[in-house]
């Protein structure tokens, strides 16, 4: 595979992963802020939802092609688990390193700035991982063959 094609596929896969992670992070943090939960509970719900939304964004197009639910689930797990894990690890590490970010209210500039920064850094960390996986026929390459 040409380097430009590999880079494009890795960028698409990473952006796809980031979209699910971002939705999960935002929803999770909004829930935890509204409930007044602490850092551990906030991170836990955000991570769980990031995985759920990330896997769902992979599964929905597969299910629309008529693929069986268990097959789509298996492909989502195989294709996205490493990428989402890297993204969530980096995303949460960045958030924890920014003073006050974990206590910031959803309506504050600090909340959104720290979230955007953490997702950008997470994307940069996940891109080479996705590129490496795709170059070996793993990760999002497993799902790519099923997209029309």
N, C-alpha and C. Protein backbone atom coordinates (compact mmCIF):
# COMPACT_ATOMS: atom_id res chain seq x y z
N UNK A 1 0.85 -1.17 0.00
CA UNK A 1 0.00 0.00 0.00
C UNK A 1 0.90 1.24 0.00
N UNK A 2 0.53 2.22 -0.82
CA UNK A 2 1.31 3.45 -0.89
C UNK A 2 1.20 4.23 0.42
N UNK A 3 2.24 4.97 0.74
CA UNK A 3 2.27 5.73 1.99
C UNK A 3 1.13 6.74 2.05
N UNK A 4 0.82 7.39 0.93
CA UNK A 4 -0.26 8.39 0.95
C UNK A 4 -1.61 7.73 1.22
N UNK A 5 -1.83 6.56 0.63
CA UNK A 5 -3.08 5.83 0.86
C UNK A 5 -3.15 5.35 2.31
N UNK A 6 -2.05 4.84 2.81
CA UNK A 6 -1.98 4.38 4.20
C UNK A 6 -2.23 5.54 5.16
N UNK A 7 -1.62 6.68 4.90
CA UNK A 7 -1.82 7.86 5.75
C UNK A 7 -3.28 8.32 5.72
N UNK A 8 -3.89 8.30 4.52
CA UNK A 8 -5.28 8.71 4.40
C UNK A 8 -6.20 7.78 5.17
N UNK A 9 -5.99 6.47 5.02
CA UNK A 9 -6.81 5.50 5.76
C UNK A 9 -6.62 5.63 7.26
N UNK A 10 -5.38 5.84 7.68
CA UNK A 10 -5.11 6.01 9.12
C UNK A 10 -5.76 7.28 9.65
N UNK A 11 -5.73 8.35 8.86
CA UNK A 11 -6.35 9.60 9.29
C UNK A 11 -7.86 9.44 9.41
N UNK A 12 -8.46 8.76 8.44
CA UNK A 12 -9.92 8.52 8.48
C UNK A 12 -10.27 7.66 9.69
N UNK A 13 -9.51 6.59 9.90
CA UNK A 13 -9.77 5.69 11.03
C UNK A 13 -9.60 6.42 12.35
N UNK A 14 -8.59 7.25 12.46
CA UNK A 14 -8.33 7.99 13.69
C UNK A 14 -9.42 9.03 13.94
N UNK A 15 -9.84 9.71 12.90
CA UNK A 15 -10.91 10.69 13.03
C UNK A 15 -12.23 10.01 13.40
N UNK A 16 -12.48 8.86 12.80
CA UNK A 16 -13.67 8.06 13.13
C UNK A 16 -13.64 7.68 14.61
N UNK A 17 -12.51 7.21 15.06
CA UNK A 17 -12.35 6.83 16.47
C UNK A 17 -12.53 8.04 17.37
N UNK A 18 -11.92 9.17 16.99
CA UNK A 18 -12.02 10.36 17.80
C UNK A 18 -13.47 10.84 17.90
N UNK A 19 -14.25 10.68 16.86
CA UNK A 19 -15.64 11.11 16.88
C UNK A 19 -16.42 10.36 17.96
N UNK A 20 -16.28 9.04 17.97
CA UNK A 20 -16.95 8.24 19.00
C UNK A 20 -16.44 8.57 20.38
N UNK A 21 -15.13 8.72 20.51
CA UNK A 21 -14.55 9.06 21.81
C UNK A 21 -15.04 10.43 22.28
N UNK A 22 -15.07 11.40 21.37
CA UNK A 22 -15.51 12.74 21.75
C UNK A 22 -16.96 12.74 22.21
N UNK A 23 -17.82 12.05 21.48
CA UNK A 23 -19.23 11.98 21.89
C UNK A 23 -19.34 11.36 23.28
N UNK A 24 -18.66 10.24 23.47
CA UNK A 24 -18.69 9.57 24.77
C UNK A 24 -18.13 10.42 25.88
N UNK A 25 -17.02 11.09 25.62
CA UNK A 25 -16.41 11.96 26.62
C UNK A 25 -17.35 13.09 27.01
N UNK A 26 -17.91 13.75 26.01
CA UNK A 26 -18.79 14.89 26.29
C UNK A 26 -20.02 14.44 27.07
N UNK A 27 -20.68 13.39 26.60
CA UNK A 27 -21.87 12.90 27.29
C UNK A 27 -21.52 12.45 28.72
N UNK A 28 -20.43 11.69 28.84
CA UNK A 28 -20.01 11.21 30.15
C UNK A 28 -19.68 12.32 31.12
N UNK A 29 -18.95 13.31 30.63
CA UNK A 29 -18.58 14.43 31.51
C UNK A 29 -19.78 15.30 31.86
N UNK A 30 -20.70 15.44 30.92
CA UNK A 30 -21.92 16.21 31.23
C UNK A 30 -22.74 15.49 32.30
N UNK A 31 -22.87 14.17 32.18
CA UNK A 31 -23.60 13.39 33.19
C UNK A 31 -22.91 13.51 34.54
N UNK A 32 -21.59 13.32 34.54
CA UNK A 32 -20.88 13.34 35.82
C UNK A 32 -20.89 14.71 36.47
N UNK A 33 -20.79 15.77 35.66
CA UNK A 33 -20.85 17.13 36.22
C UNK A 33 -22.23 17.40 36.80
N UNK A 34 -23.27 17.01 36.06
CA UNK A 34 -24.65 17.24 36.54
C UNK A 34 -24.92 16.46 37.83
N UNK A 35 -24.32 15.27 37.94
CA UNK A 35 -24.53 14.43 39.12
C UNK A 35 -23.58 14.80 40.27
N UNK A 36 -22.60 15.65 39.99
CA UNK A 36 -21.65 16.04 41.03
C UNK A 36 -20.66 14.96 41.41
N UNK A 37 -20.36 14.06 40.47
CA UNK A 37 -19.44 12.96 40.74
C UNK A 37 -18.00 13.45 40.80
N UNK A 38 -17.15 12.65 41.44
CA UNK A 38 -15.72 12.95 41.54
C UNK A 38 -14.97 12.53 40.28
N UNK A 39 -13.66 12.71 40.33
CA UNK A 39 -12.80 12.45 39.16
C UNK A 39 -12.86 11.01 38.67
N UNK A 40 -12.78 10.06 39.59
CA UNK A 40 -12.74 8.65 39.17
C UNK A 40 -14.04 8.25 38.48
N UNK A 41 -15.17 8.61 39.07
CA UNK A 41 -16.46 8.29 38.46
C UNK A 41 -16.63 9.02 37.13
N UNK A 42 -16.16 10.27 37.06
CA UNK A 42 -16.26 11.05 35.81
C UNK A 42 -15.47 10.38 34.70
N UNK A 43 -14.25 10.00 35.01
CA UNK A 43 -13.40 9.35 34.01
C UNK A 43 -14.00 8.01 33.61
N UNK A 44 -14.48 7.26 34.59
CA UNK A 44 -15.04 5.93 34.30
C UNK A 44 -16.22 6.01 33.34
N UNK A 45 -17.18 6.89 33.61
CA UNK A 45 -18.34 6.97 32.72
C UNK A 45 -17.95 7.51 31.35
N UNK A 46 -17.03 8.46 31.31
CA UNK A 46 -16.60 9.01 30.03
C UNK A 46 -15.91 7.94 29.18
N UNK A 47 -15.07 7.13 29.81
CA UNK A 47 -14.37 6.06 29.08
C UNK A 47 -15.34 5.00 28.59
N UNK A 48 -16.24 4.58 29.46
CA UNK A 48 -17.22 3.56 29.06
C UNK A 48 -18.05 4.06 27.88
N UNK A 49 -18.52 5.30 27.98
CA UNK A 49 -19.33 5.84 26.88
C UNK A 49 -18.51 6.06 25.62
N UNK A 50 -17.24 6.42 25.76
CA UNK A 50 -16.38 6.56 24.58
C UNK A 50 -16.27 5.23 23.83
N UNK A 51 -16.10 4.14 24.57
CA UNK A 51 -16.06 2.83 23.92
C UNK A 51 -17.40 2.48 23.29
N UNK A 52 -18.49 2.74 24.00
CA UNK A 52 -19.82 2.41 23.47
C UNK A 52 -20.09 3.20 22.18
N UNK A 53 -19.85 4.51 22.21
CA UNK A 53 -20.09 5.32 21.02
C UNK A 53 -19.11 4.96 19.90
N UNK A 54 -17.86 4.73 20.25
CA UNK A 54 -16.86 4.35 19.24
C UNK A 54 -17.24 3.06 18.54
N UNK A 55 -17.58 2.04 19.31
CA UNK A 55 -18.00 0.77 18.71
C UNK A 55 -19.28 0.94 17.91
N UNK A 56 -20.21 1.74 18.42
CA UNK A 56 -21.49 1.93 17.73
C UNK A 56 -21.29 2.58 16.37
N UNK A 57 -20.39 3.57 16.30
CA UNK A 57 -20.14 4.23 15.01
C UNK A 57 -19.54 3.28 13.99
N UNK A 58 -18.85 2.26 14.45
CA UNK A 58 -18.33 1.24 13.55
C UNK A 58 -19.42 0.25 13.17
N UNK A 59 -20.23 -0.12 14.14
CA UNK A 59 -21.24 -1.16 13.91
C UNK A 59 -22.41 -0.71 13.05
N UNK A 60 -22.86 0.51 13.19
CA UNK A 60 -24.06 0.96 12.48
C UNK A 60 -23.95 0.75 10.97
N UNK A 61 -22.88 1.20 10.31
CA UNK A 61 -22.80 0.96 8.86
C UNK A 61 -22.72 -0.54 8.51
N UNK A 62 -22.07 -1.31 9.37
CA UNK A 62 -21.98 -2.75 9.12
C UNK A 62 -23.36 -3.40 9.22
N UNK A 63 -24.12 -3.01 10.22
CA UNK A 63 -25.47 -3.55 10.39
C UNK A 63 -26.37 -3.13 9.24
N UNK A 64 -26.16 -1.94 8.71
CA UNK A 64 -26.96 -1.46 7.58
C UNK A 64 -26.70 -2.28 6.31
N UNK A 65 -25.54 -2.91 6.23
CA UNK A 65 -25.26 -3.76 5.07
C UNK A 65 -25.91 -5.13 5.21
N UNK A 66 -26.52 -5.37 6.37
CA UNK A 66 -27.17 -6.66 6.61
C UNK A 66 -26.32 -7.63 7.41
N UNK A 67 -25.17 -7.17 7.88
CA UNK A 67 -24.29 -8.04 8.67
C UNK A 67 -24.98 -8.39 9.99
N UNK A 68 -24.79 -9.60 10.43
CA UNK A 68 -25.36 -10.05 11.71
C UNK A 68 -24.76 -9.25 12.86
N UNK A 69 -25.56 -9.03 13.90
CA UNK A 69 -25.14 -8.22 15.05
C UNK A 69 -23.84 -8.74 15.67
N UNK A 70 -23.75 -10.03 15.89
CA UNK A 70 -22.54 -10.58 16.53
C UNK A 70 -21.31 -10.43 15.64
N UNK A 71 -21.47 -10.55 14.34
CA UNK A 71 -20.35 -10.34 13.41
C UNK A 71 -19.90 -8.88 13.44
N UNK A 72 -20.87 -7.96 13.42
CA UNK A 72 -20.55 -6.53 13.47
C UNK A 72 -19.88 -6.18 14.80
N UNK A 73 -20.36 -6.78 15.87
CA UNK A 73 -19.76 -6.54 17.19
C UNK A 73 -18.31 -7.02 17.21
N UNK A 74 -18.10 -8.21 16.70
CA UNK A 74 -16.74 -8.76 16.65
C UNK A 74 -15.80 -7.89 15.84
N UNK A 75 -16.25 -7.42 14.68
CA UNK A 75 -15.42 -6.54 13.86
C UNK A 75 -15.13 -5.22 14.56
N UNK A 76 -16.14 -4.68 15.22
CA UNK A 76 -15.93 -3.42 15.94
C UNK A 76 -14.90 -3.59 17.05
N UNK A 77 -15.01 -4.68 17.78
CA UNK A 77 -14.05 -4.93 18.87
C UNK A 77 -12.64 -5.07 18.32
N UNK A 78 -12.49 -5.84 17.25
CA UNK A 78 -11.17 -6.07 16.67
C UNK A 78 -10.60 -4.80 16.05
N UNK A 79 -11.45 -4.03 15.40
CA UNK A 79 -10.94 -2.89 14.65
C UNK A 79 -10.69 -1.65 15.52
N UNK A 80 -11.44 -1.49 16.58
CA UNK A 80 -11.39 -0.22 17.31
C UNK A 80 -10.79 -0.27 18.71
N UNK A 81 -10.66 -1.43 19.30
CA UNK A 81 -10.25 -1.50 20.71
C UNK A 81 -8.90 -0.85 21.00
N UNK A 82 -7.92 -1.12 20.19
CA UNK A 82 -6.59 -0.56 20.45
C UNK A 82 -6.62 0.95 20.27
N UNK A 83 -7.24 1.41 19.19
CA UNK A 83 -7.30 2.84 18.91
C UNK A 83 -8.05 3.59 20.00
N UNK A 84 -9.20 3.08 20.41
CA UNK A 84 -9.97 3.75 21.46
C UNK A 84 -9.19 3.73 22.77
N UNK A 85 -8.53 2.63 23.07
CA UNK A 85 -7.75 2.54 24.31
C UNK A 85 -6.65 3.59 24.34
N UNK A 86 -5.90 3.71 23.25
CA UNK A 86 -4.83 4.71 23.18
C UNK A 86 -5.42 6.10 23.32
N UNK A 87 -6.49 6.34 22.58
CA UNK A 87 -7.11 7.66 22.61
C UNK A 87 -7.60 8.02 24.02
N UNK A 88 -8.24 7.09 24.68
CA UNK A 88 -8.77 7.36 26.02
C UNK A 88 -7.66 7.53 27.05
N UNK A 89 -6.63 6.75 26.95
CA UNK A 89 -5.49 6.88 27.86
C UNK A 89 -4.88 8.27 27.74
N UNK A 90 -4.60 8.68 26.53
CA UNK A 90 -3.97 9.98 26.30
C UNK A 90 -4.93 11.12 26.64
N UNK A 91 -6.16 11.01 26.18
CA UNK A 91 -7.16 12.04 26.44
C UNK A 91 -7.30 12.31 27.94
N UNK A 92 -7.46 11.25 28.71
CA UNK A 92 -7.65 11.43 30.14
C UNK A 92 -6.38 11.90 30.84
N UNK A 93 -5.22 11.47 30.37
CA UNK A 93 -3.96 11.95 30.95
C UNK A 93 -3.82 13.46 30.75
N UNK A 94 -4.15 13.93 29.54
CA UNK A 94 -4.06 15.37 29.27
C UNK A 94 -5.03 16.15 30.15
N UNK A 95 -6.26 15.68 30.24
CA UNK A 95 -7.26 16.36 31.08
C UNK A 95 -6.78 16.43 32.53
N UNK A 96 -6.22 15.33 33.03
CA UNK A 96 -5.75 15.30 34.42
C UNK A 96 -4.57 16.24 34.65
N UNK A 97 -3.78 16.49 33.61
CA UNK A 97 -2.61 17.36 33.74
C UNK A 97 -2.96 18.85 33.68
N UNK A 98 -4.14 19.18 33.18
CA UNK A 98 -4.53 20.59 33.08
C UNK A 98 -5.17 21.02 34.39
N UNK A 99 -4.54 21.97 35.09
CA UNK A 99 -5.09 22.40 36.39
C UNK A 99 -6.53 22.88 36.27
N UNK A 100 -7.39 22.31 37.09
CA UNK A 100 -8.79 22.71 37.15
C UNK A 100 -9.70 22.10 36.11
N UNK A 101 -9.16 21.39 35.14
CA UNK A 101 -9.99 20.85 34.05
C UNK A 101 -11.02 19.84 34.55
N UNK A 102 -10.65 19.02 35.50
CA UNK A 102 -11.59 18.00 36.00
C UNK A 102 -12.71 18.62 36.84
N UNK A 103 -12.52 19.82 37.31
CA UNK A 103 -13.55 20.47 38.10
C UNK A 103 -14.32 21.52 37.30
N UNK A 104 -13.90 21.75 36.07
CA UNK A 104 -14.52 22.80 35.26
C UNK A 104 -15.97 22.46 34.93
N UNK A 105 -16.80 23.46 34.94
CA UNK A 105 -18.22 23.31 34.60
C UNK A 105 -18.37 23.22 33.08
N UNK A 106 -19.41 22.52 32.65
CA UNK A 106 -19.65 22.31 31.22
C UNK A 106 -19.75 23.63 30.46
N UNK A 107 -20.25 24.66 31.08
CA UNK A 107 -20.40 25.96 30.41
C UNK A 107 -19.15 26.81 30.42
N UNK A 108 -18.08 26.32 31.02
CA UNK A 108 -16.86 27.14 31.11
C UNK A 108 -15.95 26.94 29.92
N UNK A 109 -15.18 27.97 29.64
CA UNK A 109 -14.21 27.91 28.56
C UNK A 109 -13.14 26.86 28.87
N UNK A 110 -12.72 26.74 30.12
CA UNK A 110 -11.71 25.76 30.51
C UNK A 110 -12.16 24.33 30.18
N UNK A 111 -13.41 24.01 30.42
CA UNK A 111 -13.93 22.68 30.11
C UNK A 111 -13.73 22.37 28.63
N UNK A 112 -14.19 23.27 27.76
CA UNK A 112 -14.14 23.01 26.33
C UNK A 112 -12.73 23.11 25.77
N UNK A 113 -11.95 24.07 26.24
CA UNK A 113 -10.55 24.17 25.78
C UNK A 113 -9.75 22.92 26.14
N UNK A 114 -9.91 22.46 27.37
CA UNK A 114 -9.14 21.28 27.80
C UNK A 114 -9.62 20.04 27.07
N UNK A 115 -10.92 19.94 26.82
CA UNK A 115 -11.45 18.79 26.08
C UNK A 115 -10.93 18.78 24.64
N UNK A 116 -10.98 19.93 23.99
CA UNK A 116 -10.48 20.01 22.60
C UNK A 116 -8.99 19.69 22.55
N UNK A 117 -8.22 20.28 23.45
CA UNK A 117 -6.78 20.01 23.48
C UNK A 117 -6.51 18.52 23.71
N UNK A 118 -7.23 17.92 24.66
CA UNK A 118 -7.00 16.51 24.97
C UNK A 118 -7.34 15.62 23.78
N UNK A 119 -8.38 15.97 23.05
CA UNK A 119 -8.76 15.16 21.87
C UNK A 119 -7.76 15.33 20.73
N UNK A 120 -7.23 16.53 20.57
CA UNK A 120 -6.20 16.74 19.54
C UNK A 120 -4.96 15.92 19.86
N UNK A 121 -4.51 15.97 21.11
CA UNK A 121 -3.33 15.20 21.51
C UNK A 121 -3.60 13.71 21.38
N UNK A 122 -4.81 13.28 21.75
CA UNK A 122 -5.18 11.87 21.62
C UNK A 122 -5.19 11.44 20.16
N UNK A 123 -5.68 12.29 19.26
CA UNK A 123 -5.68 11.98 17.83
C UNK A 123 -4.24 11.80 17.35
N UNK A 124 -3.36 12.70 17.76
CA UNK A 124 -1.95 12.62 17.35
C UNK A 124 -1.29 11.35 17.88
N UNK A 125 -1.70 10.89 19.05
CA UNK A 125 -1.13 9.66 19.61
C UNK A 125 -1.71 8.42 18.92
N UNK A 126 -2.99 8.47 18.55
CA UNK A 126 -3.64 7.29 17.95
C UNK A 126 -3.32 7.14 16.47
N UNK A 127 -3.02 8.22 15.77
CA UNK A 127 -2.74 8.14 14.33
C UNK A 127 -1.64 7.14 13.99
N UNK A 128 -0.45 7.24 14.61
CA UNK A 128 0.59 6.27 14.24
C UNK A 128 0.22 4.84 14.62
N UNK A 129 -0.55 4.67 15.67
CA UNK A 129 -1.02 3.33 16.07
C UNK A 129 -1.94 2.78 14.99
N UNK A 130 -2.90 3.59 14.55
CA UNK A 130 -3.81 3.15 13.49
C UNK A 130 -3.07 2.89 12.18
N UNK A 131 -2.11 3.75 11.88
CA UNK A 131 -1.33 3.56 10.64
C UNK A 131 -0.59 2.23 10.69
N UNK A 132 0.02 1.95 11.80
CA UNK A 132 0.77 0.70 11.97
C UNK A 132 -0.18 -0.50 11.86
N UNK A 133 -1.32 -0.44 12.53
CA UNK A 133 -2.28 -1.54 12.48
C UNK A 133 -2.79 -1.77 11.06
N UNK A 134 -3.17 -0.70 10.38
CA UNK A 134 -3.69 -0.82 9.02
C UNK A 134 -2.62 -1.38 8.08
N UNK A 135 -1.38 -0.97 8.26
CA UNK A 135 -0.29 -1.46 7.39
C UNK A 135 -0.09 -2.96 7.53
N UNK A 136 -0.58 -3.53 8.62
CA UNK A 136 -0.47 -4.97 8.86
C UNK A 136 -1.79 -5.70 8.68
N UNK A 137 -2.77 -5.00 8.09
CA UNK A 137 -4.07 -5.61 7.84
C UNK A 137 -4.92 -5.76 9.09
N UNK A 138 -4.57 -5.02 10.14
CA UNK A 138 -5.29 -5.11 11.41
C UNK A 138 -6.08 -3.82 11.64
N UNK A 139 -6.67 -3.71 12.83
CA UNK A 139 -7.38 -2.49 13.19
C UNK A 139 -8.50 -2.19 12.22
N UNK A 140 -8.58 -0.94 11.81
CA UNK A 140 -9.67 -0.50 10.95
C UNK A 140 -9.63 -1.15 9.57
N UNK A 141 -8.50 -1.72 9.19
CA UNK A 141 -8.42 -2.44 7.92
C UNK A 141 -9.40 -3.61 7.87
N UNK A 142 -9.69 -4.18 9.03
CA UNK A 142 -10.65 -5.29 9.11
C UNK A 142 -12.06 -4.85 8.71
N UNK A 143 -12.41 -3.60 9.03
CA UNK A 143 -13.74 -3.09 8.73
C UNK A 143 -13.80 -2.49 7.34
N UNK A 144 -12.69 -1.93 6.88
CA UNK A 144 -12.65 -1.22 5.62
C UNK A 144 -13.19 -2.06 4.46
N UNK A 145 -12.92 -3.32 4.47
CA UNK A 145 -13.38 -4.21 3.39
C UNK A 145 -14.90 -4.31 3.33
N UNK A 146 -15.58 -3.99 4.42
CA UNK A 146 -17.04 -4.10 4.48
C UNK A 146 -17.75 -2.78 4.17
N UNK A 147 -17.00 -1.68 4.03
CA UNK A 147 -17.62 -0.38 3.71
C UNK A 147 -17.83 -0.30 2.21
N UNK A 148 -18.97 0.22 1.84
CA UNK A 148 -19.29 0.35 0.42
C UNK A 148 -19.39 1.80 0.04
